[in-house]
Amino acid sequence: MPKGSDLLVAALENEGVDRIFGVPGEENLDVVESLRKSSIQLILTRHEQAAAFMAATYGRLTGKPGVCITTLGPGALNLATGAAYALLGAMPMVMLTGQKGIMSSRQAKFQIVDVVGTFKPLTKLSLQIVSTSTIPTLVRDAFRIATQERPGPVLLELPEDIAGEESEPVAMVAQHPIEIPVAHRASLDRAAEMILKAKRPLIMLGAAASRPRSTTGIAGFVRRTQIPFFTTQMGKGTAPGGTKLYMGTAALSERDYVHEAIDRADLIIAIGHDTIEKPPFIMGPGGPQVIHVSYTPANVEQVYFPQCEVVGDVGPSLELLADRLEGRLPNAGALLSLRDGILNRIADRATEARWPPTPQRIVHDVRHVMPENGIVALDNGMYKIWFARNYRTLVANTLLLDNALATMGAGLPSAMIAAMLYPERRVLAVCGDGGFMMNSQEMETAVRLKLNLVVLVLEDSAYGMIRWKQAVDRFPDFGLTFGNPDFVRYAESYGAKGARIESTEAIIPTLERAFAADGVHLVVLPIDYSENIRVLVDELREKVKRVDQAD
């Protein structure tokens, strides 16, 4: 007779799960044994948080829920940051946690925390399994809820006595396709009328536009309307960044060069914008009208209150909208005259040879070594703004960054799952020294899994983003610097290969050598963050001053 754990694993196989990430505990041992006898690969990580980041990124890249497993109490609580990462980033994920027996307990309250209650605000669904017969139904529902718009994490807690309990065989619940309805005809007509009347239209591509199901229809809409576009940080690549219609990325909320186009637009078509992202622009009473196109209605915020909504399956809805517009937009390219100036100023000093190198030079050289479909996974730090601003993406989900929870520590685990899913593509993790050390233990996991992966650690011996904010706000430089290990020897201690770049001219050759060789490589590169103040503060303040004087 099957045990509860057997039913759980069979239900996971029924969902097409091929791998589970995590750190099991004694409360999961029945599940571990059931996994041993299954087709599912158990990928043991060195920390539960990394397992959650990997599962969430699996969901982000595939559109199917990634799965992670932990024990009760402390192990489960280590998933909290990963749950929030998936919730805010709209990544489908299923978390499986253990618990002491619920029928009787010989250990009183040892290690027991209300995990289900703790995770309710961090998930779309959080519940405890209390009966073996319900396992197939609950698993099917968990995957459905995790996947449906807006995607996110689900937690199922399986107590050890339910996992070990024998049961009569229970039939699995078959999957069935669920199509998302297209937008209502009236909303398409209303949006088309607004676009046809616009004198300076502009498209914005946001986080929800990067869903695997979205990107074809979006690129077609841009091509058919010929309206220029910009992206949010998490919307990069949803239409090819190499097109002559790309105006830039809103790495800042206002006053950057791309905002010259945003501020002059009289209509912004916001495709897939999710207000969980740091605002790409600030709506105000005198600004452009906004059309919200997404799977779900807009969240009305102080900085975002669209005048029209087109809600439905984004790709097919945009095809219907393009049918109403194609060939009828004489003003489509009105803002394109600003494009060269915006992109040229963003690329300023990108080939400067100073040492240590500037962020612009690092982004330039990384772009040089990465093919169109190469994947760069960013941790969270000051360099993220520079990559969002300067790195041109040609394919969706080839610059993986987090502009929702914006947590440190996710860069390496995200790159690892990308390397697992796409072993034929170049994958590069870019981490600050602070963020890298938050999950650096996963270097052992990457080596054990024989991944082909390059990790670029940008070293400034500080929490650079906060230190920059400290300087911008004119506080004394205090409390944000630290020491580092010898990263080359640190990598080698895990069985990886290490290299330290000693000159700006060596950046490209060193990365090329790392990619040409198999295995896990860590490359250390100092970074000069003095450009943060010059470009992102002083230069932009001077730009605003010039505009104000011209007005």
Protein backbone atom coordinates (compact mmCIF):
# COMPACT_ATOMS: atom_id res chain seq x y z
CA MET A 1 0.00 0.00 0.00
CA PRO A 2 1.30 3.50 -0.79
CA LYS A 3 2.30 5.86 2.00
CA GLY A 4 1.36 9.51 2.12
CA SER A 5 4.83 10.38 0.87
CA ASP A 6 4.37 8.07 -2.11
CA LEU A 7 1.13 9.84 -3.01
CA LEU A 8 2.86 13.22 -2.70
CA VAL A 9 5.70 12.23 -5.02
CA ALA A 10 3.33 10.58 -7.49
CA ALA A 11 1.29 13.80 -7.54
CA LEU A 12 4.46 15.79 -8.21
CA GLU A 13 5.36 13.45 -11.08
CA ASN A 14 1.82 13.94 -12.37
CA GLU A 15 2.61 17.67 -12.54
CA GLY A 16 5.73 17.03 -14.60
CA VAL A 17 8.16 17.89 -11.79
CA ASP A 18 11.64 16.74 -12.75
CA ARG A 19 13.72 18.19 -9.89
CA ILE A 20 13.31 19.42 -6.32
CA PHE A 21 15.74 21.73 -4.52
CA GLY A 22 16.29 21.79 -0.81
CA VAL A 23 17.61 20.56 2.51
CA PRO A 24 15.41 17.78 3.94
CA GLY A 25 15.21 16.96 7.64
CA GLU A 26 14.14 13.99 9.69
CA GLU A 27 10.47 14.94 9.25
CA ASN A 28 10.93 14.52 5.45
CA LEU A 29 12.65 11.13 5.46
CA ASP A 30 9.60 9.27 4.11
CA VAL A 31 9.42 11.84 1.29
CA VAL A 32 13.15 11.44 0.61
CA GLU A 33 12.72 7.68 0.31
CA SER A 34 9.77 8.14 -2.05
CA LEU A 35 11.87 10.54 -4.13
CA ARG A 36 14.70 7.99 -4.28
CA LYS A 37 12.33 5.56 -6.00
CA SER A 38 10.90 8.20 -8.35
CA SER A 39 11.92 9.93 -11.58
CA ILE A 40 12.46 13.23 -9.73
CA GLN A 41 15.99 14.47 -9.04
CA LEU A 42 16.63 15.73 -5.51
CA ILE A 43 19.11 18.58 -5.69
CA LEU A 44 20.62 19.08 -2.26
CA THR A 45 21.58 22.70 -1.58
CA ARG A 46 23.67 24.14 1.24
CA HIS A 47 21.00 26.54 2.49
CA GLU A 48 17.22 26.56 2.24
CA GLN A 49 17.13 30.16 1.01
CA ALA A 50 19.19 29.21 -2.04
CA ALA A 51 16.80 26.33 -2.74
CA ALA A 52 13.89 28.75 -2.78
CA PHE A 53 15.71 31.16 -5.09
CA MET A 54 16.45 28.29 -7.46
CA ALA A 55 12.86 27.03 -7.42
CA ALA A 56 11.48 30.53 -7.98
CA THR A 57 13.84 31.19 -10.89
CA TYR A 58 12.88 27.83 -12.39
CA GLY A 59 9.31 29.13 -12.35
CA ARG A 60 10.36 32.48 -13.80
CA LEU A 61 12.20 30.86 -16.72
CA THR A 62 9.80 28.02 -17.54
CA GLY A 63 6.39 29.31 -16.46
CA LYS A 64 5.95 26.06 -14.47
CA PRO A 65 6.26 25.99 -10.67
CA GLY A 66 9.67 25.18 -9.28
CA VAL A 67 9.61 22.97 -6.18
CA CYS A 68 11.71 23.15 -3.02
CA ILE A 69 11.67 21.10 0.18
CA THR A 70 12.73 21.77 3.77
CA THR A 71 12.16 20.40 7.21
CA LEU A 72 10.08 22.07 9.93
CA GLY A 73 10.86 25.14 12.04
CA PRO A 74 14.27 26.63 11.28
CA GLY A 75 14.51 25.02 7.85
CA ALA A 76 11.08 26.19 6.80
CA LEU A 77 11.69 29.71 8.10
CA ASN A 78 14.77 29.96 5.91
CA LEU A 79 12.38 29.90 2.92
CA ALA A 80 10.77 33.19 3.94
CA THR A 81 12.97 35.46 1.81
CA GLY A 82 12.60 33.12 -1.17
CA ALA A 83 8.83 33.10 -0.73
CA ALA A 84 8.73 36.89 -0.74
CA TYR A 85 11.07 36.90 -3.77
CA ALA A 86 8.62 34.70 -5.67
CA LEU A 87 5.52 36.54 -4.42
CA LEU A 88 6.69 40.02 -5.34
CA GLY A 89 8.41 38.82 -8.52
CA ALA A 90 5.36 36.79 -9.66
CA MET A 91 7.29 33.52 -9.98
CA PRO A 92 5.37 30.23 -9.64
CA MET A 93 6.79 28.02 -6.90
CA VAL A 94 5.63 25.22 -4.58
CA MET A 95 7.32 24.85 -1.18
CA LEU A 96 7.07 21.55 0.69
CA THR A 97 7.82 21.66 4.40
CA GLY A 98 7.83 18.98 7.09
CA GLN A 99 6.28 19.01 10.54
CA LYS A 100 6.11 16.85 13.66
CA GLY A 101 3.32 14.34 13.84
CA ILE A 102 -0.13 15.83 14.38
CA MET A 103 -1.86 12.70 15.74
CA SER A 104 0.53 12.41 18.66
CA SER A 105 3.80 13.98 19.68
CA ARG A 106 6.62 12.55 21.79
CA GLN A 107 8.72 15.74 21.52
CA ALA A 108 6.23 18.27 22.87
CA LYS A 109 6.82 21.62 21.16
CA PHE A 110 10.47 21.09 20.22
CA GLN A 111 11.22 22.98 16.95
CA ILE A 112 7.54 23.59 16.32
CA VAL A 113 6.64 26.92 14.72
CA ASP A 114 3.35 27.81 13.08
CA VAL A 115 4.85 27.63 9.60
CA VAL A 116 1.50 27.65 7.82
CA GLY A 117 0.44 30.80 9.63
CA THR A 118 3.83 32.44 9.19
CA PHE A 119 3.73 31.99 5.42
CA LYS A 120 0.13 33.08 4.79
CA PRO A 121 1.11 36.71 3.99
CA LEU A 122 4.05 35.50 1.87
CA THR A 123 2.16 33.04 -0.35
CA LYS A 124 -0.94 32.69 -2.49
CA LEU A 125 -1.89 29.62 -0.45
CA SER A 126 -0.43 28.09 2.74
CA LEU A 127 -1.92 24.97 4.30
CA GLN A 128 -1.23 21.77 6.17
CA ILE A 129 -2.02 18.35 4.72
CA VAL A 130 -3.99 16.37 7.31
CA SER A 131 -5.16 13.36 5.30
CA THR A 132 -3.42 11.08 2.81
CA SER A 133 -6.54 10.83 0.64
CA THR A 134 -6.50 14.57 -0.07
CA ILE A 135 -2.86 14.73 -1.22
CA PRO A 136 -3.42 14.40 -5.02
CA THR A 137 -6.17 17.02 -4.97
CA LEU A 138 -4.20 19.47 -2.85
CA VAL A 139 -1.08 19.12 -4.98
CA ARG A 140 -3.04 19.69 -8.20
CA ASP A 141 -4.69 22.76 -6.66
CA ALA A 142 -1.34 24.06 -5.37
CA PHE A 143 0.17 23.95 -8.86
CA ARG A 144 -2.92 25.55 -10.39
CA ILE A 145 -2.88 28.41 -7.89
CA ALA A 146 0.88 28.94 -8.20
CA THR A 147 0.63 29.22 -11.99
CA GLN A 148 -2.51 31.26 -12.54
CA GLU A 149 -2.20 35.02 -12.88
CA ARG A 150 -0.69 36.57 -10.94
CA PRO A 151 1.82 33.67 -10.43
CA GLY A 152 3.47 33.16 -7.07
CA PRO A 153 4.43 30.75 -4.28
CA VAL A 154 2.33 28.13 -2.50
CA LEU A 155 3.29 26.23 0.67
CA LEU A 156 2.19 22.71 1.61
CA GLU A 157 3.15 21.35 5.04
CA LEU A 158 3.25 17.55 5.32
CA PRO A 159 3.47 16.22 8.92
CA GLU A 160 5.70 13.18 9.30
CA ASP A 161 2.91 10.87 10.49
CA ILE A 162 0.77 11.72 7.44
CA ALA A 163 3.83 11.17 5.23
CA GLY A 164 4.44 7.73 6.77
CA GLU A 165 0.79 6.64 6.96
CA GLU A 166 -0.27 3.84 4.63
CA SER A 167 -3.24 4.57 2.41
CA GLU A 168 -5.48 2.99 -0.14
CA PRO A 169 -4.37 3.96 -3.67
CA VAL A 170 -5.76 7.36 -4.66
CA ALA A 171 -6.16 8.42 -8.29
CA MET A 172 -4.16 11.41 -9.48
CA VAL A 173 -6.02 14.50 -10.70
CA ALA A 174 -5.43 15.04 -14.39
CA GLN A 175 -4.16 18.41 -15.59
CA HIS A 176 -6.16 20.34 -18.16
CA PRO A 177 -5.28 23.45 -20.15
CA ILE A 178 -6.60 26.76 -18.87
CA GLU A 179 -6.77 29.56 -21.40
CA ILE A 180 -6.82 33.16 -20.22
CA PRO A 181 -9.61 35.18 -21.86
CA VAL A 182 -8.62 37.96 -24.24
CA ALA A 183 -9.49 41.56 -23.45
CA HIS A 184 -13.05 42.80 -23.93
CA ARG A 185 -13.84 44.35 -27.30
CA ALA A 186 -14.96 47.60 -25.70
CA SER A 187 -11.63 48.06 -23.89
CA LEU A 188 -9.71 47.32 -27.11
CA ASP A 189 -11.80 49.89 -28.98
CA ARG A 190 -11.26 52.48 -26.23
CA ALA A 191 -7.51 51.91 -26.18
CA ALA A 192 -7.29 52.05 -29.98
CA GLU A 193 -9.14 55.37 -30.03
CA MET A 194 -6.71 56.87 -27.50
CA ILE A 195 -3.67 55.61 -29.43
CA LEU A 196 -5.00 56.90 -32.76
CA LYS A 197 -5.44 60.36 -31.24
CA ALA A 198 -1.99 60.44 -29.63
CA LYS A 199 0.60 62.81 -31.06
CA ARG A 200 3.60 61.38 -29.18
CA PRO A 201 2.87 57.76 -28.16
CA LEU A 202 5.33 55.59 -26.25
CA ILE A 203 5.23 51.94 -25.19
CA MET A 204 6.52 50.69 -21.84
CA LEU A 205 7.25 46.98 -21.31
CA GLY A 206 7.09 45.82 -17.70
CA ALA A 207 7.70 42.74 -15.57
CA ALA A 208 4.59 40.79 -16.58
CA ALA A 209 5.59 41.17 -20.22
CA SER A 210 8.50 38.81 -19.57
CA ARG A 211 6.29 35.81 -18.80
CA PRO A 212 7.24 32.94 -21.16
CA ARG A 213 3.72 33.00 -22.62
CA SER A 214 3.82 36.74 -23.42
CA THR A 215 6.77 37.70 -25.51
CA THR A 216 5.74 36.74 -29.06
CA GLY A 217 2.64 38.91 -29.13
CA ILE A 218 4.47 41.83 -27.58
CA ALA A 219 7.28 41.93 -30.14
CA GLY A 220 4.65 41.68 -32.88
CA PHE A 221 2.71 44.63 -31.46
CA VAL A 222 5.83 46.81 -31.39
CA ARG A 223 6.73 45.81 -34.94
CA ARG A 224 3.24 46.35 -36.35
CA THR A 225 2.61 49.73 -34.70
CA GLN A 226 6.19 51.08 -35.01
CA ILE A 227 5.72 52.95 -31.72
CA PRO A 228 9.04 53.37 -29.85
CA PHE A 229 9.36 51.61 -26.52
CA PHE A 230 11.27 51.64 -23.27
CA THR A 231 11.35 48.98 -20.57
CA THR A 232 11.27 48.65 -16.84
CA GLN A 233 14.18 46.80 -15.26
CA MET A 234 12.30 43.47 -15.22
CA GLY A 235 10.79 44.06 -18.66
CA LYS A 236 14.11 44.03 -20.50
CA GLY A 237 14.30 41.76 -23.54
CA THR A 238 10.54 41.38 -24.01
CA ALA A 239 10.99 43.13 -27.34
CA PRO A 240 14.46 42.99 -28.88
CA GLY A 241 16.68 45.71 -27.41
CA GLY A 242 18.56 45.80 -30.69
CA THR A 243 15.61 47.22 -32.60
CA LYS A 244 15.66 50.81 -33.81
CA LEU A 245 12.55 51.44 -31.70
CA TYR A 246 14.26 50.84 -28.32
CA MET A 247 14.55 54.08 -26.32
CA GLY A 248 16.20 52.77 -23.16
CA THR A 249 15.43 51.30 -19.74
CA ALA A 250 14.03 53.17 -16.77
CA ALA A 251 16.67 52.16 -14.24
CA LEU A 252 15.73 55.23 -12.15
CA SER A 253 12.25 56.55 -11.42
CA GLU A 254 12.72 60.03 -12.89
CA ARG A 255 15.17 62.56 -14.37
CA ASP A 256 17.29 60.03 -16.28
CA TYR A 257 17.88 60.48 -20.00
CA VAL A 258 15.12 58.05 -20.99
CA HIS A 259 12.72 60.30 -19.08
CA GLU A 260 13.21 62.93 -21.77
CA ALA A 261 11.02 60.72 -23.96
CA ILE A 262 8.69 59.76 -21.12
CA ASP A 263 8.11 63.38 -20.13
CA ARG A 264 7.37 64.43 -23.71
CA ALA A 265 4.98 61.56 -24.43
CA ASP A 266 1.29 62.37 -24.39
CA LEU A 267 0.33 58.67 -24.13
CA ILE A 268 2.15 55.70 -22.58
CA ILE A 269 0.97 52.17 -23.37
CA ALA A 270 2.13 50.28 -20.27
CA ILE A 271 2.29 46.59 -21.21
CA GLY A 272 2.70 44.20 -18.30
CA HIS A 273 3.51 46.85 -15.71
CA ASP A 274 3.43 45.57 -12.16
CA THR A 275 3.55 48.25 -9.49
CA ILE A 276 5.59 45.91 -7.33
CA GLU A 277 8.55 47.18 -9.37
CA LYS A 278 10.21 50.37 -8.29
CA PRO A 279 8.34 53.00 -10.36
CA PRO A 280 9.82 53.42 -13.85
CA PHE A 281 8.13 56.82 -14.07
CA ILE A 282 6.01 58.98 -11.79
CA MET A 283 2.49 59.76 -12.94
CA GLY A 284 1.18 63.20 -12.09
CA PRO A 285 -1.86 65.33 -12.95
CA GLY A 286 -0.11 67.07 -15.86
CA GLY A 287 1.60 64.02 -17.31
CA PRO A 288 0.76 61.70 -20.19
CA GLN A 289 -2.31 59.50 -20.26
CA VAL A 290 -1.62 55.84 -19.57
CA ILE A 291 -3.18 52.67 -21.00
CA HIS A 292 -2.64 49.62 -18.77
CA VAL A 293 -2.34 46.34 -20.73
CA SER A 294 -1.86 43.24 -18.58
CA TYR A 295 -3.26 39.94 -17.36
CA THR A 296 -4.77 41.58 -14.29
CA PRO A 297 -6.29 44.98 -13.57
CA ALA A 298 -4.03 47.82 -12.52
CA ASN A 299 -3.20 48.50 -8.91
CA VAL A 300 -4.02 52.16 -8.48
CA GLU A 301 -1.14 53.87 -6.72
CA GLN A 302 -0.15 57.44 -5.98
CA VAL A 303 2.34 57.17 -8.84
CA TYR A 304 0.28 54.99 -11.22
CA PHE A 305 -3.39 55.52 -12.07
CA PRO A 306 -4.06 54.57 -15.73
CA GLN A 307 -6.97 56.12 -17.61
CA CYS A 308 -7.71 52.96 -19.65
CA GLU A 309 -7.25 49.24 -18.97
CA VAL A 310 -6.95 46.35 -21.42
CA VAL A 311 -7.13 43.24 -19.24
CA GLY A 312 -6.68 39.73 -20.61
CA ASP A 313 -4.16 37.36 -22.14
CA VAL A 314 -1.51 39.87 -23.17
CA GLY A 315 -0.18 38.37 -26.41
CA PRO A 316 -3.53 37.65 -28.13
CA SER A 317 -5.03 40.89 -26.80
CA LEU A 318 -2.18 42.91 -28.30
CA GLU A 319 -2.68 41.16 -31.63
CA LEU A 320 -6.30 42.31 -31.64
CA LEU A 321 -5.23 45.83 -30.65
CA ALA A 322 -2.61 45.90 -33.42
CA ASP A 323 -5.33 44.89 -35.92
CA ARG A 324 -7.08 48.15 -35.05
CA LEU A 325 -3.91 50.27 -35.39
CA GLU A 326 -1.58 48.87 -38.05
CA GLY A 327 -0.94 51.36 -40.84
CA ARG A 328 -3.05 54.07 -39.18
CA LEU A 329 -0.48 55.82 -36.95
CA PRO A 330 1.25 58.70 -38.74
CA ASN A 331 2.57 59.97 -35.37
CA ALA A 332 3.92 56.57 -34.23
CA GLY A 333 7.58 57.62 -34.42
CA ALA A 334 7.24 61.18 -33.14
CA LEU A 335 9.64 60.57 -30.24
CA LEU A 336 12.30 58.69 -32.20
CA SER A 337 14.29 61.87 -32.79
CA LEU A 338 15.30 61.66 -29.10
CA ARG A 339 16.60 58.09 -29.34
CA ASP A 340 20.19 58.61 -30.45
CA GLY A 341 20.80 61.32 -27.88
CA ILE A 342 19.42 59.17 -25.05
CA LEU A 343 21.38 56.05 -25.96
CA ASN A 344 24.62 57.89 -26.73
CA ARG A 345 24.62 59.67 -23.38
CA ILE A 346 23.91 56.43 -21.53
CA ALA A 347 26.83 54.77 -23.33
CA ASP A 348 29.21 57.63 -22.43
CA ARG A 349 32.64 56.42 -21.20
CA ALA A 350 31.70 52.78 -21.83
CA THR A 351 35.17 52.06 -23.24
CA GLU A 352 37.17 54.17 -20.79
CA ALA A 353 40.36 52.34 -19.78
CA ARG A 354 40.77 53.57 -16.19
CA TRP A 355 41.63 51.12 -13.41
CA PRO A 356 39.69 49.97 -11.48
CA PRO A 357 37.08 49.91 -14.26
CA THR A 358 33.88 51.91 -14.21
CA PRO A 359 30.48 50.20 -14.15
CA GLN A 360 29.92 51.37 -17.73
CA ARG A 361 33.07 49.58 -18.91
CA ILE A 362 32.17 46.39 -17.06
CA VAL A 363 28.67 46.31 -18.60
CA HIS A 364 30.17 47.00 -22.03
CA ASP A 365 32.67 44.15 -21.73
CA VAL A 366 30.12 41.68 -20.33
CA ARG A 367 27.84 42.44 -23.26
CA HIS A 368 30.78 41.77 -25.58
CA VAL A 369 31.37 38.25 -24.25
CA MET A 370 27.70 37.25 -23.95
CA PRO A 371 25.89 35.96 -27.07
CA GLU A 372 22.33 37.09 -27.78
CA ASN A 373 20.85 34.17 -25.83
CA GLY A 374 23.45 34.24 -23.05
CA ILE A 375 21.97 34.69 -19.57
CA VAL A 376 23.27 37.21 -17.02
CA ALA A 377 21.86 36.71 -13.51
CA LEU A 378 22.36 39.73 -11.27
CA ASP A 379 22.48 39.80 -7.54
CA ASN A 380 21.26 43.02 -5.95
CA GLY A 381 23.60 45.97 -5.62
CA MET A 382 24.72 49.22 -7.18
CA TYR A 383 25.80 47.49 -10.38
CA LYS A 384 22.18 46.44 -10.99
CA ILE A 385 21.26 50.01 -11.92
CA TRP A 386 24.14 50.14 -14.38
CA PHE A 387 23.24 46.82 -16.01
CA ALA A 388 19.57 47.79 -16.22
CA ARG A 389 20.50 51.14 -17.75
CA ASN A 390 23.34 50.10 -20.09
CA TYR A 391 22.99 46.39 -20.94
CA ARG A 392 21.11 45.85 -24.20
CA THR A 393 18.97 42.69 -24.11
CA LEU A 394 17.96 40.97 -27.32
CA VAL A 395 16.04 37.98 -25.90
CA ALA A 396 13.52 37.83 -23.05
CA ASN A 397 14.78 36.62 -19.67
CA THR A 398 18.45 36.95 -20.58
CA LEU A 399 19.06 39.59 -17.90
CA LEU A 400 17.66 38.14 -14.69
CA LEU A 401 17.35 40.81 -12.05
CA ASP A 402 15.04 41.45 -9.13
CA ASN A 403 13.43 44.88 -9.01
CA ALA A 404 10.56 43.76 -6.78
CA LEU A 405 11.86 42.40 -3.46
CA ALA A 406 15.37 43.45 -4.59
CA THR A 407 17.00 40.96 -2.25
CA MET A 408 20.68 40.22 -2.00
CA GLY A 409 21.87 36.65 -2.25
CA ALA A 410 19.78 35.51 -5.25
CA GLY A 411 22.31 36.04 -8.04
CA LEU A 412 24.33 32.84 -7.72
CA PRO A 413 21.34 30.48 -7.16
CA SER A 414 19.46 32.09 -10.07
CA ALA A 415 22.44 31.60 -12.37
CA MET A 416 22.78 27.98 -11.25
CA ILE A 417 19.26 27.01 -12.28
CA ALA A 418 19.70 28.88 -15.57
CA ALA A 419 22.84 26.81 -16.20
CA MET A 420 20.91 23.63 -15.40
CA LEU A 421 18.02 24.48 -17.72
CA TYR A 422 20.15 25.77 -20.58
CA PRO A 423 23.49 23.92 -20.52
CA GLU A 424 24.19 24.95 -24.13
CA ARG A 425 24.05 28.68 -23.32
CA ARG A 426 26.59 30.92 -21.62
CA VAL A 427 25.45 31.79 -18.09
CA LEU A 428 27.10 34.49 -15.97
CA ALA A 429 26.29 35.41 -12.38
CA VAL A 430 27.22 39.00 -11.55
CA CYS A 431 27.42 39.61 -7.80
CA GLY A 432 28.76 42.26 -5.50
CA ASP A 433 31.09 41.01 -2.81
CA GLY A 434 28.36 41.60 -0.23
CA GLY A 435 25.59 39.72 -2.05
CA PHE A 436 27.87 36.91 -3.16
CA MET A 437 28.85 36.05 0.40
CA MET A 438 25.20 35.71 1.41
CA ASN A 439 24.90 32.45 -0.55
CA SER A 440 28.49 31.73 -1.58
CA GLN A 441 28.25 28.27 -0.03
CA GLU A 442 26.29 27.23 -3.12
CA MET A 443 29.58 27.20 -5.03
CA GLU A 444 29.91 23.67 -3.63
CA THR A 445 26.48 22.78 -5.04
CA ALA A 446 27.41 24.16 -8.45
CA VAL A 447 30.67 22.17 -8.49
CA ARG A 448 28.93 18.99 -7.29
CA LEU A 449 26.35 19.33 -10.08
CA LYS A 450 29.16 19.82 -12.63
CA LEU A 451 27.61 23.02 -13.93
CA ASN A 452 29.24 25.20 -16.56
CA LEU A 453 28.99 28.60 -14.93
CA VAL A 454 31.01 31.78 -14.56
CA VAL A 455 30.61 33.95 -11.45
CA LEU A 456 31.84 37.54 -11.70
CA VAL A 457 32.35 39.08 -8.25
CA LEU A 458 32.60 42.88 -8.28
CA GLU A 459 34.74 43.86 -5.31
CA ASP A 460 34.48 47.20 -3.52
CA SER A 461 34.61 45.87 0.09
CA ALA A 462 31.35 47.61 0.96
CA TYR A 463 27.59 47.45 0.72
CA GLY A 464 27.90 49.76 -2.28
CA MET A 465 24.27 50.64 -2.96
CA ILE A 466 23.62 51.81 0.59
CA ARG A 467 26.98 53.55 0.75
CA TRP A 468 26.01 55.48 -2.40
CA LYS A 469 22.66 56.47 -0.88
CA GLN A 470 24.52 57.53 2.26
CA ALA A 471 26.73 59.84 0.17
CA VAL A 472 23.80 61.20 -1.87
CA ASP A 473 21.98 62.09 1.34
CA ARG A 474 25.20 63.75 2.59
CA PHE A 475 25.71 61.48 5.60
CA PRO A 476 29.27 60.69 6.72
CA ASP A 477 30.81 57.54 5.22
CA PHE A 478 30.25 55.15 8.13
CA GLY A 479 29.36 51.57 8.94
CA LEU A 480 29.12 49.98 5.47
CA THR A 481 32.60 48.64 4.67
CA PHE A 482 34.03 45.20 5.36
CA GLY A 483 36.89 42.83 4.57
CA ASN A 484 36.79 39.96 2.09
CA PRO A 485 38.39 36.53 1.81
CA ASP A 486 40.83 35.80 -0.98
CA PHE A 487 38.09 34.99 -3.48
CA VAL A 488 40.37 33.05 -5.82
CA ARG A 489 41.49 30.68 -3.06
CA TYR A 490 37.91 30.60 -1.73
CA ALA A 491 36.66 29.36 -5.11
CA GLU A 492 39.47 26.85 -5.37
CA SER A 493 38.63 25.45 -1.94
CA TYR A 494 35.26 24.37 -3.39
CA GLY A 495 36.89 22.77 -6.42
CA ALA A 496 36.06 25.68 -8.72
CA LYS A 497 38.60 27.64 -10.75
CA GLY A 498 39.47 31.18 -9.65
CA ALA A 499 40.97 34.19 -11.40
CA ARG A 500 41.61 37.81 -10.44
CA ILE A 501 41.54 40.48 -13.15
CA GLU A 502 44.45 42.90 -12.77
CA SER A 503 43.81 45.35 -15.65
CA THR A 504 40.87 46.73 -17.57
CA GLU A 505 42.20 45.27 -20.81
CA ALA A 506 42.09 41.80 -19.23
CA ILE A 507 38.33 41.77 -18.54
CA ILE A 508 37.21 40.34 -21.88
CA PRO A 509 40.07 37.82 -22.30
CA THR A 510 39.65 36.50 -18.74
CA LEU A 511 35.89 36.00 -19.14
CA GLU A 512 36.38 34.39 -22.55
CA ARG A 513 38.89 31.92 -21.09
CA ALA A 514 36.49 31.05 -18.28
CA PHE A 515 33.63 30.41 -20.69
CA ALA A 516 35.86 28.38 -23.00
CA ALA A 517 36.69 25.95 -20.20
CA ASP A 518 34.24 23.57 -18.53
CA GLY A 519 33.18 23.79 -14.91
CA VAL A 520 32.56 26.53 -12.37
CA HIS A 521 34.74 29.64 -12.57
CA LEU A 522 34.89 32.60 -10.20
CA VAL A 523 36.39 35.82 -11.57
CA VAL A 524 37.15 38.69 -9.19
CA LEU A 525 37.09 42.25 -10.52
CA PRO A 526 37.54 45.48 -8.53
CA ILE A 527 35.04 48.21 -9.44
CA ASP A 528 35.28 52.00 -9.29
CA TYR A 529 31.97 53.37 -8.03
CA SER A 530 32.97 57.03 -8.20
CA GLU A 531 30.80 57.20 -11.33
CA ASN A 532 27.71 56.75 -9.15
CA ILE A 533 27.84 60.34 -7.97
CA ARG A 534 29.14 61.86 -11.21
CA VAL A 535 26.61 60.22 -13.56
CA LEU A 536 23.59 59.34 -11.45
CA VAL A 537 23.55 62.45 -9.27
CA ASP A 538 25.62 65.41 -10.49
CA GLU A 539 25.15 64.87 -14.23
CA LEU A 540 21.41 64.29 -13.95
CA ARG A 541 20.95 67.25 -11.61
CA GLU A 542 22.73 69.43 -14.16
CA LYS A 543 20.50 68.04 -16.90
CA VAL A 544 17.36 68.91 -14.94
CA LYS A 545 18.73 72.39 -14.24
CA ARG A 546 19.29 72.98 -17.96
CA VAL A 547 15.77 71.82 -18.78
CA ASP A 548 14.26 74.07 -16.10
CA GLN A 549 16.22 77.07 -17.43
CA ALA A 550 15.08 76.31 -20.99
CA ASP A 551 11.47 76.25 -19.83
